[in-house]
Amino acid sequence: MTAPDQDVRWSGRHAIVTMPDEIDLTNSGDLDQQLAAVVAQSPQTITVDLTATTFCDSAGIGVLARAHQLATANGGELRIALGHSPVSRVLKLIGLDQIVPIYPDVQHSLDGDASSST
């Protein structure tokens, strides 16, 4: 990612942040900064779109956890659009799916219809 905001779009006070195909130590710092910058704009809700992400290591999980902490500290909510991404297994193994609402896609997140992505 070269431009920190190139993968952010807005629907009112709802920010949708599209994640890259792979999240690991090489790009987690940039993603952490990007999500912090989005939180600083005080959205009501942030949806992290992982539907096209095929790999996420522990550095990426840390980014998601920090984004959740920042969003909730600012009175907002972090949601994850997951679809059929293989990342769902990692989120379930570490229990992040118990803390952050998971949606099958961005549209369901925008609509507010939570559902399990089992």
Protein backbone atom coordinates (compact mmCIF):
# COMPACT_ATOMS: atom_id res chain seq x y z
CA MET A 1 0.00 0.00 0.00
CA THR A 2 1.54 3.24 -1.02
CA ALA A 3 -1.24 5.71 -0.22
CA PRO A 4 -2.53 5.27 3.33
CA ASP A 5 -6.11 6.11 2.39
CA GLN A 6 -6.36 4.46 -1.03
CA ASP A 7 -8.43 1.57 0.32
CA VAL A 8 -10.90 3.57 2.44
CA ARG A 9 -14.38 4.54 1.36
CA TRP A 10 -17.17 6.16 3.32
CA SER A 11 -20.92 5.68 3.59
CA GLY A 12 -22.02 8.48 5.89
CA ARG A 13 -20.17 7.97 9.17
CA HIS A 14 -19.34 4.37 8.27
CA ALA A 15 -15.79 3.78 6.99
CA ILE A 16 -15.00 0.70 4.93
CA VAL A 17 -11.32 -0.23 4.88
CA THR A 18 -10.34 -2.85 2.32
CA MET A 19 -7.42 -4.97 3.41
CA PRO A 20 -4.78 -6.39 1.04
CA ASP A 21 -4.59 -10.01 -0.10
CA GLU A 22 -2.01 -10.78 2.59
CA ILE A 23 -1.36 -9.16 5.95
CA ASP A 24 1.94 -9.86 7.63
CA LEU A 25 4.90 -8.14 9.25
CA THR A 26 5.87 -6.43 5.99
CA ASN A 27 2.66 -4.38 5.73
CA SER A 28 1.15 -4.46 9.22
CA GLY A 29 2.77 -1.17 10.26
CA ASP A 30 1.21 0.67 7.32
CA LEU A 31 -2.17 -0.94 7.98
CA ASP A 32 -1.96 -0.05 11.66
CA GLN A 33 -1.32 3.60 10.75
CA GLN A 34 -4.10 3.56 8.17
CA LEU A 35 -6.67 2.22 10.63
CA ALA A 36 -5.54 4.67 13.33
CA ALA A 37 -5.98 7.52 10.83
CA VAL A 38 -9.49 6.32 10.03
CA VAL A 39 -10.36 6.08 13.74
CA ALA A 40 -9.05 9.65 14.20
CA GLN A 41 -11.77 10.83 11.80
CA SER A 42 -14.37 9.66 14.38
CA PRO A 43 -16.50 7.31 12.31
CA GLN A 44 -19.47 5.71 14.01
CA THR A 45 -18.53 2.34 12.51
CA ILE A 46 -15.50 0.93 10.73
CA THR A 47 -15.81 -2.20 8.63
CA VAL A 48 -12.54 -3.94 7.92
CA ASP A 49 -13.06 -5.79 4.64
CA LEU A 50 -11.12 -9.06 4.76
CA THR A 51 -13.23 -10.82 2.13
CA ALA A 52 -10.34 -10.95 -0.35
CA THR A 53 -7.61 -11.51 2.25
CA THR A 54 -6.10 -14.99 2.03
CA PHE A 55 -3.40 -14.75 4.70
CA CYS A 56 -3.10 -12.94 8.02
CA ASP A 57 -0.32 -13.62 10.51
CA SER A 58 -0.06 -12.56 14.15
CA ALA A 59 1.09 -9.06 13.18
CA GLY A 60 -2.14 -8.61 11.26
CA ILE A 61 -4.21 -9.94 14.15
CA GLY A 62 -2.47 -7.38 16.36
CA VAL A 63 -3.47 -4.62 13.93
CA LEU A 64 -7.12 -5.71 14.09
CA ALA A 65 -7.07 -5.92 17.88
CA ARG A 66 -5.54 -2.43 18.19
CA ALA A 67 -8.04 -1.00 15.73
CA HIS A 68 -10.86 -2.49 17.80
CA GLN A 69 -9.42 -0.93 20.97
CA LEU A 70 -9.01 2.48 19.33
CA ALA A 71 -12.46 2.44 17.76
CA THR A 72 -14.25 1.50 20.98
CA ALA A 73 -12.21 4.00 23.02
CA ASN A 74 -13.48 6.70 20.62
CA GLY A 75 -17.09 5.53 21.02
CA GLY A 76 -17.16 3.73 17.68
CA GLU A 77 -17.46 0.15 16.58
CA LEU A 78 -15.16 -2.05 14.54
CA ARG A 79 -16.71 -4.75 12.37
CA ILE A 80 -15.11 -7.34 10.14
CA ALA A 81 -16.49 -8.43 6.77
CA LEU A 82 -15.04 -11.88 6.28
CA GLY A 83 -16.91 -13.84 3.64
CA HIS A 84 -15.21 -17.15 2.89
CA SER A 85 -11.72 -15.86 3.62
CA PRO A 86 -9.33 -18.45 5.08
CA VAL A 87 -8.56 -15.82 7.71
CA SER A 88 -11.80 -16.82 9.46
CA ARG A 89 -10.07 -19.87 10.94
CA VAL A 90 -7.37 -17.71 12.52
CA LEU A 91 -9.93 -15.28 13.94
CA LYS A 92 -11.87 -18.17 15.46
CA LEU A 93 -8.78 -19.86 16.89
CA ILE A 94 -7.71 -16.75 18.77
CA GLY A 95 -11.27 -15.74 19.72
CA LEU A 96 -11.33 -12.37 17.97
CA ASP A 97 -14.67 -13.39 16.45
CA GLN A 98 -16.07 -13.35 20.00
CA ILE A 99 -15.04 -9.71 20.50
CA VAL A 100 -15.48 -8.09 17.09
CA PRO A 101 -18.74 -8.55 15.13
CA ILE A 102 -18.22 -10.65 12.00
CA TYR A 103 -20.30 -10.13 8.86
CA PRO A 104 -20.44 -12.24 5.69
CA ASP A 105 -19.73 -9.19 3.48
CA VAL A 106 -19.51 -5.40 3.51
CA GLN A 107 -23.15 -4.90 2.57
CA HIS A 108 -24.36 -6.90 5.59
CA SER A 109 -22.09 -4.80 7.78
CA LEU A 110 -23.49 -1.60 6.27
CA ASP A 111 -27.01 -2.94 6.87
CA GLY A 112 -26.08 -3.95 10.43
CA ASP A 113 -27.17 -7.57 10.00
CA ALA A 114 -24.67 -9.55 12.05
CA SER A 115 -24.30 -13.19 11.20
CA SER A 116 -21.82 -15.90 11.87
CA SER A 117 -19.39 -16.78 9.12
CA THR A 118 -19.07 -20.43 9.98
